């Protein structure tokens, strides 16, 4: 699970940096960023499947808290994509950055919950 989290945090960091560059240049989110966000979202779905399988195999974690963070993480990028389509200004890039940073924090929290619950 730690590898999945590391990949997701790294990808979110790269997407956030890309968003910062576009926001500083006063540019809106572009389709390639939305596609990168979709790939990241696919990674989140994979993470949820991995978490479900490992939990079913008996890894003890606080299920409600863990799934609350996972579901919230899964909703962030689609919400940012809706804003990006509706708001065609630099603020769409700012929203993308905020969603990515929030996602990174949530992923670090998922890691803490997983490790403290014996998930390793």
Protein backbone atom coordinates (compact mmCIF):
# COMPACT_ATOMS: atom_id res chain seq x y z
CA UNK A 1 0.00 0.00 0.00
CA UNK A 2 2.89 2.37 0.72
CA UNK A 3 4.12 2.13 -2.87
CA UNK A 4 0.68 3.04 -4.22
CA UNK A 5 0.54 6.04 -1.88
CA UNK A 6 4.03 7.18 -2.88
CA UNK A 7 3.15 7.00 -6.58
CA UNK A 8 -0.10 8.92 -6.04
CA UNK A 9 1.60 11.63 -3.97
CA UNK A 10 4.38 11.98 -6.55
CA UNK A 11 1.91 12.22 -9.43
CA UNK A 12 -0.23 14.74 -7.54
CA UNK A 13 2.89 16.81 -6.82
CA UNK A 14 3.81 16.90 -10.51
CA UNK A 15 0.27 17.88 -11.48
CA UNK A 16 0.26 20.58 -8.79
CA UNK A 17 3.55 22.01 -10.07
CA UNK A 18 2.14 22.05 -13.59
CA UNK A 19 -0.91 23.87 -12.26
CA UNK A 20 1.24 26.44 -10.45
CA UNK A 21 3.18 27.14 -13.66
CA UNK A 22 -0.05 27.73 -15.57
CA UNK A 23 -1.56 29.85 -12.78
CA UNK A 24 1.54 32.07 -12.62
CA UNK A 25 1.33 32.49 -16.40
CA UNK A 26 -2.36 33.48 -15.98
CA UNK A 27 -3.54 30.43 -17.95
CA UNK A 28 -6.50 28.13 -17.45
CA UNK A 29 -6.35 24.36 -17.09
CA UNK A 30 -5.89 22.57 -20.41
CA UNK A 31 -7.13 19.21 -21.64
CA UNK A 32 -3.77 17.50 -21.05
CA UNK A 33 -3.98 18.45 -17.37
CA UNK A 34 -7.48 17.02 -17.17
CA UNK A 35 -6.24 13.81 -18.79
CA UNK A 36 -3.38 13.65 -16.27
CA UNK A 37 -5.94 14.13 -13.52
CA UNK A 38 -7.98 11.27 -14.99
CA UNK A 39 -4.93 8.99 -14.88
CA UNK A 40 -4.37 10.05 -11.27
CA UNK A 41 -8.03 9.30 -10.54
CA UNK A 42 -7.55 5.83 -12.00
CA UNK A 43 -4.66 5.38 -9.57
CA UNK A 44 -6.96 6.33 -6.72
CA UNK A 45 -9.47 3.70 -7.85
CA UNK A 46 -6.65 1.13 -7.93
CA UNK A 47 -5.69 2.21 -4.41
CA UNK A 48 -9.27 1.68 -3.24
CA UNK A 49 -9.32 -1.82 -4.73
CA UNK A 50 -5.97 -2.64 -3.07
CA UNK A 51 -7.27 -1.30 0.25
CA UNK A 52 -10.43 -3.38 -0.04
CA UNK A 53 -8.50 -6.56 -0.82
CA UNK A 54 -5.96 -6.05 1.96
CA UNK A 55 -8.68 -5.18 4.46
CA UNK A 56 -10.64 -8.29 3.45
CA UNK A 57 -7.51 -10.36 4.05
CA UNK A 58 -7.48 -9.29 7.69
CA UNK A 59 -5.29 -6.23 7.87
CA UNK A 60 -6.65 -4.30 10.82
CA UNK A 61 -7.35 -0.64 10.13
CA UNK A 62 -9.93 1.90 11.20
CA UNK A 63 -12.24 1.18 8.29
CA UNK A 64 -14.58 4.15 8.60
CA UNK A 65 -11.76 6.66 8.87
CA UNK A 66 -9.71 5.03 6.10
CA UNK A 67 -12.64 4.89 3.68
CA UNK A 68 -13.66 8.42 4.55
CA UNK A 69 -10.26 9.64 3.43
CA UNK A 70 -10.23 7.40 0.34
CA UNK A 71 -13.68 8.50 -0.82
CA UNK A 72 -12.87 12.16 -0.19
CA UNK A 73 -9.66 11.76 -2.18
CA UNK A 74 -11.61 10.15 -5.03
CA UNK A 75 -14.03 13.10 -5.18
CA UNK A 76 -11.41 15.88 -5.25
CA UNK A 77 -10.14 15.67 -8.82
CA UNK A 78 -13.56 15.28 -10.47
CA UNK A 79 -14.71 18.37 -8.55
CA UNK A 80 -11.63 20.28 -9.72
CA UNK A 81 -12.32 19.14 -13.29
CA UNK A 82 -15.86 20.54 -13.11
CA UNK A 83 -14.46 23.89 -11.97
CA UNK A 84 -11.82 23.77 -14.73
CA UNK A 85 -14.48 23.32 -17.39
CA UNK A 86 -16.77 25.99 -15.92
CA UNK A 87 -14.09 28.58 -15.08
CA UNK A 88 -11.82 29.32 -18.03
CA UNK A 89 -9.36 31.55 -16.20
CA UNK A 90 -6.24 31.18 -14.09
CA UNK A 91 -8.50 30.29 -11.17
CA UNK A 92 -9.15 26.88 -12.67
CA UNK A 93 -5.41 26.24 -12.38
CA UNK A 94 -5.46 27.47 -8.77
CA UNK A 95 -8.33 25.08 -7.99
CA UNK A 96 -6.41 22.21 -9.58
CA UNK A 97 -3.38 23.03 -7.42
CA UNK A 98 -5.55 23.17 -4.29
CA UNK A 99 -7.13 19.82 -5.13
CA UNK A 100 -3.71 18.21 -5.70
CA UNK A 101 -2.25 19.59 -2.47
CA UNK A 102 -5.31 18.44 -0.54
CA UNK A 103 -5.03 15.04 -2.15
CA UNK A 104 -1.38 14.76 -1.10
CA UNK A 105 -2.28 15.58 2.51
CA UNK A 106 -5.12 13.05 2.47
CA UNK A 107 -2.80 10.40 1.05
CA UNK A 108 -0.27 11.01 3.80
CA UNK A 109 -3.09 10.63 6.31
CA UNK A 110 -4.20 7.37 4.63
CA UNK A 111 -0.62 6.14 5.02
CA UNK A 112 -0.64 7.04 8.74
CA UNK A 113 -3.93 5.23 9.29
CA UNK A 114 -2.76 2.19 7.37
CA UNK A 115 0.57 1.90 9.19
CA UNK A 116 -0.94 2.50 12.63
CA UNK A 117 -3.59 -0.14 11.93
CA UNK A 118 -1.02 -2.82 11.15
CA UNK A 119 -1.45 -2.64 7.39
CA UNK A 120 2.27 -2.08 6.78
